[in-house]
Structure formats: structure tokens, C-alpha cells
Amino acid sequence: MSSVTERRSAGEWLQLAIGGAIVAVMFYPTVWMVLSSFKTNRELFRDPFGMPSTWRWSNFAQAWEQGGLGGLYMNSLIVTTVAVSLSVFCATAAAFAFSRLEFPGRRWVYRLLLIGLLLPPPVVAIPLFGLLRDIGLLNTLWALILPGAAWSLSLTVFVMTGYFRSIRPDMEEAALLEGASTWQIFRDISVPLVWPSMLTMAIVNTINIWNELMFALLFITDDEKRTLPVGLIRFFGRYSTDYTMVFSALTITTLPILALYFLLQRHVIAGLSATAMD
């Protein structure tokens, strides 16, 4: 009995060591980026992996001013907030319909929607550019909001549908017998039940849309409407690059999303685990 316990303990320590090594390898580039943002260019090239000799907080203020990060932050915040809200709400409504309602072609529509999981963004970039140009949305924030929301719809519908199917519809059926409408059931009963999964997908979509670069490069030409990933290109010169400013700007851009994820990671894991157990 004791030997089994010892073997289990050894296995647990091995898993912990392997997990810790993986986390260290994956997280080290972020730590290196943050440390590099406090250095000068000379110090960065002389000792790229060492600690900064002086913690130069002024680098962040300089990067904020030089890159015009205030306007870029506002544009990214607007695009991400609106796109994530549209995606999560529409996907939740669609998942409710796919899992709770009966209508002709339900299975085929659901499978057709999931094809979006297989399409890489470059495949639709040129047709989408022409469509946005024809309807007059090119070079507006809507040119990023609508594609961002639509592109995250397939995964969000897939996860939300799995979460709906993992929940027994007893309360919804009872409300239906009491005379509640479909909209009332969805709004007052279903949404509160699937709220953890909605929060999970909101976080996942926020990370993806916040970091989106290709559509932002193609669909926006006005500097005042650019988002943070595109704005970071300003720090790369044609003949020289101020790497200290680059790392400072990257730190300013990345840390808010990392903080959001670490604060809400329990909800993310709980939402995905509940879907996976379906």
C-alpha cells in the first residue's frame, strides 16, 4: 500500500515538474519582453538576457507618446468590445435554437456554420475586402467589428451549443408550460444558466480580436482608425529600430490582456470543462 502511495507521489511530482517546465518555457518570452522594456538599446544589445541596471519607467511614457497609443487603445477597445458583444450574443441565441428548438434543416445549418472553423482568414481576405468596399464600410471601425464578430461566431456557437446540451431543459420546459414565450425563456432562464460559458467565450474572443492584425492592415488606411497591433509597426523604422520603444509598447499592449486572462482563468477553465464533459 505504501509503495503505491510512493509511486503516486512520484508521478505527481513528475507531472508537476513537467508542467512547471512547460509553463516556464512558454512564459519566459513575456518576462524577457517586460525586462527588456526597462533597458536602453545599448544595454539591450550588450546583455540581452540580464536584468536591467536601472528600471527606466520613463520608457513607457515615451513609447505612449511616440506611438500615439492613446488613440490606438481607444480604437482597439471599441472594436473588441462591440465585436465580442455581437459574437457572444448572436452565438448564444443560435446555440439556444440549435439545442432547444426544432426547425427544418437544423442539423445542416449547424454543420454549415461550423465550416467556418476550417477556413483560414487569408482565404476570405480579398472577397471580404471587395464586399466592405461595395457597402461603404472600408476604412471604418465597422470593417473590423463585423468581420471580427463573424469570424469568432463558429467557435462560439460550437462551444455554446455543447454547453446548452450539457444542461437539462427542465426549467425551460416548466416555463413553457406556464405560458412563457421563447424569448422570455431564453432571456430569463437560459442565459443565466449558460453565463459561465458566455464569459469563457467572451475572454477567448477578446484575446483573438484584440490581437488581430491581418484584417486591420487590409481594411484600415487612416492612421486615426488603426488598432494597437497595426500601430506597433510605427516603432519599426526603415533603416533602424528603437527596440527599447518596441518592447515598451508591446508590454503596454500585452499586459492588460494577460491580466484579464489570469483574473478570469477559473471561469475559462470551468466553462471549457463543462463543455468538454458533454
Protein backbone atom coordinates (compact mmCIF):
# COMPACT_ATOMS: atom_id res chain seq x y z
CA MET A 1 0.00 0.00 0.00
CA SER A 2 2.80 2.38 0.90
CA SER A 3 4.64 1.60 -2.34
CA VAL A 4 1.54 2.51 -4.37
CA THR A 5 1.31 5.78 -2.46
CA GLU A 6 5.01 6.47 -3.10
CA ARG A 7 4.59 5.73 -6.81
CA ARG A 8 1.63 8.08 -6.97
CA SER A 9 3.58 10.78 -5.20
CA ALA A 10 6.50 10.34 -7.59
CA GLY A 11 4.11 10.53 -10.54
CA GLU A 12 2.53 13.67 -9.19
CA TRP A 13 5.93 15.28 -8.70
CA LEU A 14 6.90 14.30 -12.23
CA GLN A 15 3.72 15.84 -13.63
CA LEU A 16 4.33 18.99 -11.60
CA ALA A 17 7.92 19.23 -12.85
CA ILE A 18 6.92 18.73 -16.48
CA GLY A 19 4.06 21.23 -16.18
CA GLY A 20 6.34 23.76 -14.50
CA ALA A 21 8.95 23.38 -17.23
CA ILE A 22 6.36 23.89 -19.96
CA VAL A 23 4.98 26.99 -18.23
CA ALA A 24 8.49 28.39 -17.77
CA VAL A 25 9.40 27.86 -21.43
CA MET A 26 6.17 29.40 -22.68
CA PHE A 27 6.12 32.32 -20.24
CA TYR A 28 9.80 33.26 -20.43
CA PRO A 29 9.45 35.31 -23.68
CA THR A 30 6.88 37.51 -21.93
CA VAL A 31 9.18 38.01 -18.93
CA TRP A 32 12.08 38.80 -21.25
CA MET A 33 9.93 41.33 -23.14
CA VAL A 34 8.96 43.12 -19.92
CA LEU A 35 12.55 43.21 -18.61
CA SER A 36 13.83 44.48 -21.97
CA SER A 37 11.35 47.34 -21.90
CA PHE A 38 13.23 48.86 -18.93
CA LYS A 39 16.63 48.89 -20.66
CA THR A 40 18.41 51.19 -23.07
CA ASN A 41 19.25 49.96 -26.56
CA ARG A 42 22.93 49.76 -25.67
CA GLU A 43 22.21 47.70 -22.57
CA LEU A 44 19.79 45.50 -24.50
CA PHE A 45 22.41 44.52 -27.09
CA ARG A 46 25.25 44.21 -24.57
CA ASP A 47 23.35 41.99 -22.11
CA PRO A 48 20.06 40.88 -23.73
CA PHE A 49 19.18 38.29 -21.08
CA GLY A 50 20.32 40.12 -17.97
CA MET A 51 18.41 42.26 -15.52
CA PRO A 52 18.19 45.99 -16.27
CA SER A 53 20.78 48.04 -14.40
CA THR A 54 18.22 50.82 -13.90
CA TRP A 55 14.44 50.45 -14.04
CA ARG A 56 13.59 53.12 -16.61
CA TRP A 57 9.84 53.68 -16.18
CA SER A 58 10.13 56.69 -18.48
CA ASN A 59 10.40 54.29 -21.43
CA PHE A 60 6.67 53.57 -21.17
CA ALA A 61 5.71 57.24 -21.18
CA GLN A 62 7.98 57.84 -24.16
CA ALA A 63 6.56 54.88 -26.07
CA TRP A 64 3.00 56.02 -25.29
CA GLU A 65 3.69 59.49 -26.69
CA GLN A 66 5.77 58.47 -29.71
CA GLY A 67 3.37 55.77 -30.86
CA GLY A 68 0.16 57.64 -30.13
CA LEU A 69 -1.01 54.63 -28.14
CA GLY A 70 -3.92 56.51 -26.56
CA GLY A 71 -5.92 56.66 -29.79
CA LEU A 72 -4.87 53.13 -30.76
CA TYR A 73 -6.02 51.86 -27.38
CA MET A 74 -9.42 53.51 -27.79
CA ASN A 75 -9.90 52.05 -31.28
CA SER A 76 -8.92 48.56 -30.12
CA LEU A 77 -11.21 48.87 -27.11
CA ILE A 78 -14.19 49.90 -29.26
CA VAL A 79 -13.58 47.19 -31.87
CA THR A 80 -13.04 44.45 -29.30
CA THR A 81 -15.96 45.39 -27.05
CA VAL A 82 -18.53 45.68 -29.83
CA ALA A 83 -17.29 42.65 -31.78
CA VAL A 84 -17.17 40.39 -28.72
CA SER A 85 -20.64 41.53 -27.58
CA LEU A 86 -22.13 40.83 -31.01
CA SER A 87 -20.39 37.48 -31.31
CA VAL A 88 -21.34 36.16 -27.88
CA PHE A 89 -24.95 37.34 -28.01
CA CYS A 90 -25.61 36.05 -31.55
CA ALA A 91 -23.81 32.77 -30.84
CA THR A 92 -25.77 32.23 -27.61
CA ALA A 93 -29.06 32.82 -29.41
CA ALA A 94 -28.02 30.47 -32.23
CA ALA A 95 -26.87 27.79 -29.78
CA PHE A 96 -30.20 28.04 -27.97
CA ALA A 97 -32.01 27.49 -31.26
CA PHE A 98 -29.81 24.57 -32.30
CA SER A 99 -30.10 22.80 -28.95
CA ARG A 100 -33.65 23.64 -27.83
CA LEU A 101 -35.79 24.31 -30.90
CA GLU A 102 -36.94 22.11 -33.73
CA PHE A 103 -36.94 23.57 -37.24
CA PRO A 104 -36.30 22.20 -40.75
CA GLY A 105 -32.64 21.89 -41.69
CA ARG A 106 -31.37 22.47 -38.17
CA ARG A 107 -28.56 19.93 -38.42
CA TRP A 108 -27.44 21.13 -41.84
CA VAL A 109 -27.40 24.77 -40.81
CA TYR A 110 -25.36 23.90 -37.73
CA ARG A 111 -22.85 21.88 -39.76
CA LEU A 112 -22.62 24.61 -42.39
CA LEU A 113 -21.87 27.16 -39.70
CA LEU A 114 -19.07 25.01 -38.32
CA ILE A 115 -17.28 25.09 -41.68
CA GLY A 116 -16.03 28.48 -40.53
CA LEU A 117 -13.72 26.61 -38.13
CA LEU A 118 -11.82 25.20 -41.11
CA LEU A 119 -11.31 28.41 -43.09
CA PRO A 120 -8.11 30.41 -42.55
CA PRO A 121 -8.51 34.21 -42.71
CA PRO A 122 -6.37 34.70 -45.89
CA VAL A 123 -8.90 32.65 -47.87
CA VAL A 124 -11.64 35.26 -47.43
CA ALA A 125 -9.49 38.40 -47.23
CA ILE A 126 -9.86 39.50 -50.88
CA PRO A 127 -13.63 38.77 -51.22
CA LEU A 128 -14.23 40.44 -47.86
CA PHE A 129 -12.26 43.50 -48.96
CA GLY A 130 -14.45 43.84 -52.05
CA LEU A 131 -17.64 43.38 -50.02
CA LEU A 132 -16.70 46.02 -47.46
CA ARG A 133 -15.73 48.41 -50.25
CA ASP A 134 -19.04 47.95 -52.05
CA ILE A 135 -21.14 48.61 -48.95
CA GLY A 136 -19.07 51.60 -47.91
CA LEU A 137 -17.57 50.23 -44.69
CA LEU A 138 -13.96 50.15 -45.81
CA ASN A 139 -11.66 52.30 -43.64
CA THR A 140 -14.16 52.41 -40.77
CA LEU A 141 -14.13 50.60 -37.45
CA TRP A 142 -17.09 48.54 -38.67
CA ALA A 143 -14.71 46.98 -41.19
CA LEU A 144 -13.01 45.35 -38.19
CA ILE A 145 -16.01 44.89 -35.90
CA LEU A 146 -18.22 42.89 -38.27
CA PRO A 147 -15.53 40.52 -39.63
CA GLY A 148 -14.16 40.04 -36.11
CA ALA A 149 -17.57 39.12 -34.75
CA ALA A 150 -18.38 36.89 -37.72
CA TRP A 151 -15.03 35.11 -37.64
CA SER A 152 -15.39 34.15 -33.98
CA LEU A 153 -19.00 33.05 -34.43
CA SER A 154 -18.32 29.45 -35.47
CA LEU A 155 -16.22 28.54 -32.44
CA THR A 156 -18.53 30.40 -30.08
CA VAL A 157 -21.62 28.63 -31.45
CA PHE A 158 -19.85 25.27 -31.19
CA VAL A 159 -18.89 25.79 -27.54
CA MET A 160 -22.22 27.35 -26.53
CA THR A 161 -24.21 24.56 -28.18
CA GLY A 162 -22.21 21.96 -26.27
CA TYR A 163 -22.86 23.84 -23.03
CA PHE A 164 -26.60 24.05 -23.71
CA ARG A 165 -26.71 20.30 -24.39
CA SER A 166 -24.97 19.62 -21.07
CA ILE A 167 -27.81 21.32 -19.16
CA ARG A 168 -31.13 19.58 -18.56
CA PRO A 169 -34.03 21.61 -20.03
CA ASP A 170 -36.34 21.01 -17.04
CA MET A 171 -36.65 24.66 -16.03
CA GLU A 172 -37.21 25.77 -19.61
CA GLU A 173 -39.93 23.15 -20.13
CA ALA A 174 -41.62 24.21 -16.89
CA ALA A 175 -41.59 27.84 -18.00
CA LEU A 176 -43.04 26.82 -21.37
CA LEU A 177 -45.92 25.06 -19.62
CA GLU A 178 -46.53 28.22 -17.59
CA GLY A 179 -47.04 30.16 -20.82
CA ALA A 180 -43.67 31.86 -21.19
CA SER A 181 -42.61 32.82 -24.70
CA THR A 182 -39.46 31.53 -26.36
CA TRP A 183 -37.77 34.91 -25.92
CA GLN A 184 -38.69 35.03 -22.22
CA ILE A 185 -37.30 31.52 -21.70
CA PHE A 186 -34.09 32.45 -23.47
CA ARG A 187 -33.64 35.76 -21.66
CA ASP A 188 -34.74 34.85 -18.13
CA ILE A 189 -33.77 31.18 -17.82
CA SER A 190 -31.30 30.03 -20.47
CA VAL A 191 -28.90 32.98 -20.43
CA PRO A 192 -28.36 32.87 -16.62
CA LEU A 193 -27.72 29.12 -16.84
CA VAL A 194 -25.08 29.38 -19.57
CA TRP A 195 -23.48 32.56 -18.25
CA PRO A 196 -20.17 30.82 -17.32
CA SER A 197 -19.73 29.61 -20.89
CA MET A 198 -20.63 33.04 -22.26
CA LEU A 199 -17.94 34.60 -20.08
CA THR A 200 -15.45 31.98 -21.24
CA MET A 201 -16.06 32.72 -24.91
CA ALA A 202 -16.03 36.47 -24.27
CA ILE A 203 -12.50 36.15 -22.87
CA VAL A 204 -11.30 33.88 -25.68
CA ASN A 205 -12.77 36.15 -28.35
CA THR A 206 -11.35 39.24 -26.65
CA ILE A 207 -7.83 37.83 -26.89
CA ASN A 208 -8.26 36.89 -30.56
CA ILE A 209 -9.88 40.14 -31.70
CA TRP A 210 -7.55 42.36 -29.63
CA ASN A 211 -4.52 40.78 -31.34
CA GLU A 212 -5.97 40.63 -34.88
CA LEU A 213 -3.56 42.10 -37.43
CA MET A 214 -4.27 40.99 -40.99
CA PHE A 215 -7.76 42.49 -41.39
CA ALA A 216 -6.63 45.66 -39.62
CA LEU A 217 -3.80 46.06 -42.13
CA LEU A 218 -6.01 45.44 -45.16
CA PHE A 219 -9.23 47.27 -44.28
CA ILE A 220 -7.93 50.39 -42.48
CA THR A 221 -5.73 53.01 -44.16
CA ASP A 222 -6.45 56.00 -41.91
CA ASP A 223 -3.91 56.28 -39.08
CA GLU A 224 -6.56 57.67 -36.72
CA LYS A 225 -8.62 54.47 -37.05
CA ARG A 226 -5.85 51.92 -36.68
CA THR A 227 -5.74 49.47 -33.80
CA LEU A 228 -2.86 48.55 -31.50
CA PRO A 229 -1.35 45.62 -33.48
CA VAL A 230 -1.03 47.80 -36.59
CA GLY A 231 0.09 50.84 -34.61
CA LEU A 232 3.06 48.91 -33.23
CA ILE A 233 4.53 48.89 -36.73
CA ARG A 234 5.22 52.60 -36.27
CA PHE A 235 8.11 51.71 -33.99
CA PHE A 236 9.96 49.85 -36.75
CA GLY A 237 11.98 52.26 -38.89
CA ARG A 238 13.10 51.65 -42.45
CA TYR A 239 16.80 51.77 -41.61
CA SER A 240 16.86 51.45 -37.82
CA THR A 241 14.62 50.36 -34.98
CA ASP A 242 14.41 51.57 -31.40
CA TYR A 243 13.97 48.17 -29.76
CA THR A 244 13.51 49.63 -26.30
CA MET A 245 10.45 51.51 -27.51
CA VAL A 246 9.22 48.38 -29.30
CA PHE A 247 9.39 46.29 -26.13
CA SER A 248 7.81 49.06 -24.07
CA ALA A 249 4.91 49.37 -26.49
CA LEU A 250 4.49 45.59 -26.62
CA THR A 251 4.38 45.47 -22.82
CA ILE A 252 1.75 48.20 -22.67
CA THR A 253 -0.30 46.32 -25.28
CA THR A 254 0.07 42.81 -23.88
CA LEU A 255 -0.16 43.12 -20.10
CA PRO A 256 -3.85 44.20 -19.93
CA ILE A 257 -4.92 41.09 -21.84
CA LEU A 258 -2.71 38.85 -19.72
CA ALA A 259 -4.10 40.40 -16.56
CA LEU A 260 -7.67 39.88 -17.81
CA TYR A 261 -6.97 36.22 -18.54
CA PHE A 262 -5.27 35.49 -15.20
CA LEU A 263 -8.05 37.20 -13.27
CA LEU A 264 -10.75 35.18 -15.03
CA GLN A 265 -8.90 31.96 -15.83
CA ARG A 266 -11.02 29.94 -13.40
CA HIS A 267 -14.15 30.87 -15.33
CA VAL A 268 -12.44 29.99 -18.62
CA ILE A 269 -11.37 26.55 -17.39
CA ALA A 270 -14.77 25.88 -15.78
CA GLY A 271 -16.65 26.86 -18.95
CA LEU A 272 -14.49 24.77 -21.26
CA SER A 273 -14.50 21.79 -18.88
CA ALA A 274 -18.30 21.79 -18.67
CA THR A 275 -18.49 21.81 -22.47
CA ALA A 276 -15.92 19.05 -22.84
CA MET A 277 -17.84 16.75 -20.47
CA ASP A 278 -20.93 16.88 -22.70
